[in-house]
Structures are given as C-alpha cells and as structure tokens.
Amino acid sequence: PKFSELIKRGQAVTEDQLHEALTERETFRSELRRTMIDHNIDAWICPSTVSAAPKGLESTGDPIMNLPWTQAGLPAINLPAGKNDQGLPLGLQVVANWHKDESLLLWAKDLTKTLETL
C-alpha cells in the first residue's frame, strides 16, 4: 500500500484497538525477552529478507523477517551480507534484547568487520 493509505488506516484505528495492540505487543516482547534470558541468547541473527533486494524503487521487498522484531519493539540492525548471482544485495539482521541498543551496535560493528572478510 502507498504511504498515504497506511496513514488513513492508522487514523481509522479506535482507542480500544490501539490499547489491544499495545497490550499484545507488550506480551510478545515479554515472551521474547524471557526466552532470550532463559536460553542465554544475546542476539538473534537472521536474514534481513526472504530474498535479495528487488530491482527498482517500487518496493523494499517482503517485510516478514522484520515484523516480529518491529512488533516487539526490539532493537534491530541490518547489515550488508554480500550479493546474489544477479548482483543484488543480501542482508543479515541482528536483533538484541529490550534496552540492549548499545550492545547491538557493538556486535554489529564486529560482525561487519567479519562479513567484509568473506
């Protein structure tokens, strides 16, 4: 959808719907935080997208790999991770726990150095 359509959708959200969405987000965030703590997970590392970047400027691609982290409000950073056979960029996403933004930036810096050597 176009940006203006997204704004119109947002304006149509009722106060009850907003409250429900915020409650669901907090529940999901708490579950992810607890999982990370219980299993000693510092960061999630996953592809930025399910495929290479699309050609042109019409789309940024499928957001499915970003949605869980965005919904939970966790800090995430996307790093360049090479190119596919057609020369289109591939990305790697690193996601940290709640309020671990500074740690995420340090990990991303180190990971970027490693990726550059590949």
C-alpha atoms as a PDB file:
ATOM      1  CA  PRO A   1       0.000   0.000   0.000  1.00  0.00           C
ATOM      2  CA  LYS A   2       1.001   3.579  -0.524  1.00  0.00           C
ATOM      3  CA  PHE A   3       2.142   5.623   2.444  1.00  0.00           C
ATOM      4  CA  SER A   4      -0.987   7.780   2.379  1.00  0.00           C
ATOM      5  CA  GLU A   5      -3.133   4.624   2.576  1.00  0.00           C
ATOM      6  CA  LEU A   6      -1.212   3.479   5.648  1.00  0.00           C
ATOM      7  CA  ILE A   7      -1.859   6.831   7.317  1.00  0.00           C
ATOM      8  CA  LYS A   8      -5.587   6.550   6.581  1.00  0.00           C
ATOM      9  CA  ARG A   9      -5.639   3.039   8.056  1.00  0.00           C
ATOM     10  CA  GLY A  10      -3.893   4.324  11.167  1.00  0.00           C
ATOM     11  CA  GLN A  11      -6.372   7.155  11.564  1.00  0.00           C
ATOM     12  CA  ALA A  12      -9.225   4.629  11.457  1.00  0.00           C
ATOM     13  CA  VAL A  13      -7.901   2.651  14.453  1.00  0.00           C
ATOM     14  CA  THR A  14     -10.109   3.041  17.511  1.00  0.00           C
ATOM     15  CA  GLU A  15      -8.788   3.679  21.000  1.00  0.00           C
ATOM     16  CA  ASP A  16      -9.819   0.147  22.033  1.00  0.00           C
ATOM     17  CA  GLN A  17      -7.993  -1.363  19.051  1.00  0.00           C
ATOM     18  CA  LEU A  18      -4.884   0.650  19.879  1.00  0.00           C
ATOM     19  CA  HIS A  19      -4.972  -0.452  23.523  1.00  0.00           C
ATOM     20  CA  GLU A  20      -5.376  -4.098  22.464  1.00  0.00           C
ATOM     21  CA  ALA A  21      -2.464  -3.849  20.010  1.00  0.00           C
ATOM     22  CA  LEU A  22      -0.207  -2.251  22.621  1.00  0.00           C
ATOM     23  CA  THR A  23      -1.112  -4.952  25.149  1.00  0.00           C
ATOM     24  CA  GLU A  24      -0.363  -7.691  22.596  1.00  0.00           C
ATOM     25  CA  ARG A  25       2.970  -6.034  21.785  1.00  0.00           C
ATOM     26  CA  GLU A  26       3.970  -5.931  25.445  1.00  0.00           C
ATOM     27  CA  THR A  27       3.015  -9.596  25.909  1.00  0.00           C
ATOM     28  CA  PHE A  28       5.007 -10.629  22.830  1.00  0.00           C
ATOM     29  CA  ARG A  29       8.003  -8.516  23.899  1.00  0.00           C
ATOM     30  CA  SER A  30       7.941 -10.086  27.366  1.00  0.00           C
ATOM     31  CA  GLU A  31       7.859 -13.587  25.873  1.00  0.00           C
ATOM     32  CA  LEU A  32      10.843 -12.848  23.612  1.00  0.00           C
ATOM     33  CA  ARG A  33      12.788 -11.222  26.456  1.00  0.00           C
ATOM     34  CA  ARG A  34      12.125 -14.195  28.726  1.00  0.00           C
ATOM     35  CA  THR A  35      13.188 -16.656  26.003  1.00  0.00           C
ATOM     36  CA  MET A  36      16.424 -14.745  25.442  1.00  0.00           C
ATOM     37  CA  ILE A  37      17.207 -14.637  29.155  1.00  0.00           C
ATOM     38  CA  ASP A  38      16.238 -18.264  29.825  1.00  0.00           C
ATOM     39  CA  HIS A  39      18.353 -19.561  26.939  1.00  0.00           C
ATOM     40  CA  ASN A  40      21.230 -17.090  27.294  1.00  0.00           C
ATOM     41  CA  ILE A  41      20.605 -15.592  23.847  1.00  0.00           C
ATOM     42  CA  ASP A  42      22.422 -12.296  23.337  1.00  0.00           C
ATOM     43  CA  ALA A  43      21.096 -11.676  19.842  1.00  0.00           C
ATOM     44  CA  TRP A  44      19.032 -13.224  17.092  1.00  0.00           C
ATOM     45  CA  ILE A  45      20.759 -13.358  13.706  1.00  0.00           C
ATOM     46  CA  CYS A  46      18.618 -13.964  10.643  1.00  0.00           C
ATOM     47  CA  PRO A  47      18.293 -12.895   7.027  1.00  0.00           C
ATOM     48  CA  SER A  48      17.009  -9.347   6.559  1.00  0.00           C
ATOM     49  CA  THR A  49      14.546 -10.589   3.944  1.00  0.00           C
ATOM     50  CA  VAL A  50      13.425 -13.853   2.396  1.00  0.00           C
ATOM     51  CA  SER A  51      15.121 -12.932  -0.888  1.00  0.00           C
ATOM     52  CA  ALA A  52      17.528 -10.453  -2.419  1.00  0.00           C
ATOM     53  CA  ALA A  53      16.540  -6.817  -2.733  1.00  0.00           C
ATOM     54  CA  PRO A  54      14.016  -6.221  -5.504  1.00  0.00           C
ATOM     55  CA  LYS A  55      15.124  -4.299  -8.570  1.00  0.00           C
ATOM     56  CA  GLY A  56      13.982  -0.698  -8.791  1.00  0.00           C
ATOM     57  CA  LEU A  57      12.369   1.534  -6.215  1.00  0.00           C
ATOM     58  CA  GLU A  58       8.779   0.273  -6.281  1.00  0.00           C
ATOM     59  CA  SER A  59       9.198  -1.984  -3.247  1.00  0.00           C
ATOM     60  CA  THR A  60      11.579  -2.715  -0.418  1.00  0.00           C
ATOM     61  CA  GLY A  61      10.623  -6.388  -0.510  1.00  0.00           C
ATOM     62  CA  ASP A  62       8.740  -8.687   1.836  1.00  0.00           C
ATOM     63  CA  PRO A  63       8.909  -7.398   5.450  1.00  0.00           C
ATOM     64  CA  ILE A  64       8.183 -10.784   7.073  1.00  0.00           C
ATOM     65  CA  MET A  65      11.688 -11.125   8.564  1.00  0.00           C
ATOM     66  CA  ASN A  66      11.404  -7.688  10.225  1.00  0.00           C
ATOM     67  CA  LEU A  67       7.855  -7.941  11.542  1.00  0.00           C
ATOM     68  CA  PRO A  68       8.415  -9.952  14.749  1.00  0.00           C
ATOM     69  CA  TRP A  69      11.166  -7.642  15.990  1.00  0.00           C
ATOM     70  CA  THR A  70       9.321  -4.488  14.966  1.00  0.00           C
ATOM     71  CA  GLN A  71       6.142  -5.724  16.653  1.00  0.00           C
ATOM     72  CA  ALA A  72       8.062  -6.445  19.855  1.00  0.00           C
ATOM     73  CA  GLY A  73       9.916  -3.135  19.709  1.00  0.00           C
ATOM     74  CA  LEU A  74      13.311  -4.830  19.972  1.00  0.00           C
ATOM     75  CA  PRO A  75      16.381  -3.064  18.589  1.00  0.00           C
ATOM     76  CA  ALA A  76      17.458  -4.436  15.216  1.00  0.00           C
ATOM     77  CA  ILE A  77      20.106  -3.563  12.680  1.00  0.00           C
ATOM     78  CA  ASN A  78      20.538  -4.796   9.125  1.00  0.00           C
ATOM     79  CA  LEU A  79      23.990  -5.331   7.677  1.00  0.00           C
ATOM     80  CA  PRO A  80      25.125  -5.875   4.101  1.00  0.00           C
ATOM     81  CA  ALA A  81      25.994  -9.543   3.626  1.00  0.00           C
ATOM     82  CA  GLY A  82      27.079  -9.911   0.035  1.00  0.00           C
ATOM     83  CA  LYS A  83      25.196 -10.153  -3.236  1.00  0.00           C
ATOM     84  CA  ASN A  84      23.271 -12.826  -5.070  1.00  0.00           C
ATOM     85  CA  ASP A  85      24.095 -14.184  -8.549  1.00  0.00           C
ATOM     86  CA  GLN A  86      22.327 -11.206 -10.152  1.00  0.00           C
ATOM     87  CA  GLY A  87      24.396  -8.734  -8.133  1.00  0.00           C
ATOM     88  CA  LEU A  88      21.514  -7.688  -5.881  1.00  0.00           C
ATOM     89  CA  PRO A  89      22.313  -7.062  -2.206  1.00  0.00           C
ATOM     90  CA  LEU A  90      21.635  -9.561   0.560  1.00  0.00           C
ATOM     91  CA  GLY A  91      21.277  -8.538   4.180  1.00  0.00           C
ATOM     92  CA  LEU A  92      21.792 -10.003   7.614  1.00  0.00           C
ATOM     93  CA  GLN A  93      19.657  -8.806  10.516  1.00  0.00           C
ATOM     94  CA  VAL A  94      20.877  -8.744  14.113  1.00  0.00           C
ATOM     95  CA  VAL A  95      18.310  -8.273  16.891  1.00  0.00           C
ATOM     96  CA  ALA A  96      19.101  -7.650  20.553  1.00  0.00           C
ATOM     97  CA  ASN A  97      17.026  -7.765  23.695  1.00  0.00           C
ATOM     98  CA  TRP A  98      14.998  -4.831  25.014  1.00  0.00           C
ATOM     99  CA  HIS A  99      17.194  -1.859  26.002  1.00  0.00           C
ATOM    100  CA  LYS A 100      20.336  -3.510  24.578  1.00  0.00           C
ATOM    101  CA  ASP A 101      20.757  -0.996  21.757  1.00  0.00           C
ATOM    102  CA  GLU A 102      24.365  -0.128  22.606  1.00  0.00           C
ATOM    103  CA  SER A 103      25.371  -3.790  22.781  1.00  0.00           C
ATOM    104  CA  LEU A 104      23.689  -4.355  19.433  1.00  0.00           C
ATOM    105  CA  LEU A 105      25.725  -1.583  17.818  1.00  0.00           C
ATOM    106  CA  LEU A 106      28.976  -3.052  19.162  1.00  0.00           C
ATOM    107  CA  TRP A 107      28.082  -6.547  17.917  1.00  0.00           C
ATOM    108  CA  ALA A 108      27.094  -5.129  14.542  1.00  0.00           C
ATOM    109  CA  LYS A 109      30.420  -3.329  14.241  1.00  0.00           C
ATOM    110  CA  ASP A 110      32.343  -6.544  14.944  1.00  0.00           C
ATOM    111  CA  LEU A 111      30.113  -8.615  12.682  1.00  0.00           C
ATOM    112  CA  THR A 112      30.518  -6.109   9.847  1.00  0.00           C
ATOM    113  CA  LYS A 113      34.298  -6.490  10.049  1.00  0.00           C
ATOM    114  CA  THR A 114      33.915 -10.269   9.851  1.00  0.00           C
ATOM    115  CA  LEU A 115      31.475 -10.122   6.937  1.00  0.00           C
ATOM    116  CA  GLU A 116      33.848  -7.877   4.999  1.00  0.00           C
ATOM    117  CA  THR A 117      36.491 -10.624   5.083  1.00  0.00           C
ATOM    118  CA  LEU A 118      34.211 -13.204   3.458  1.00  0.00           C
END
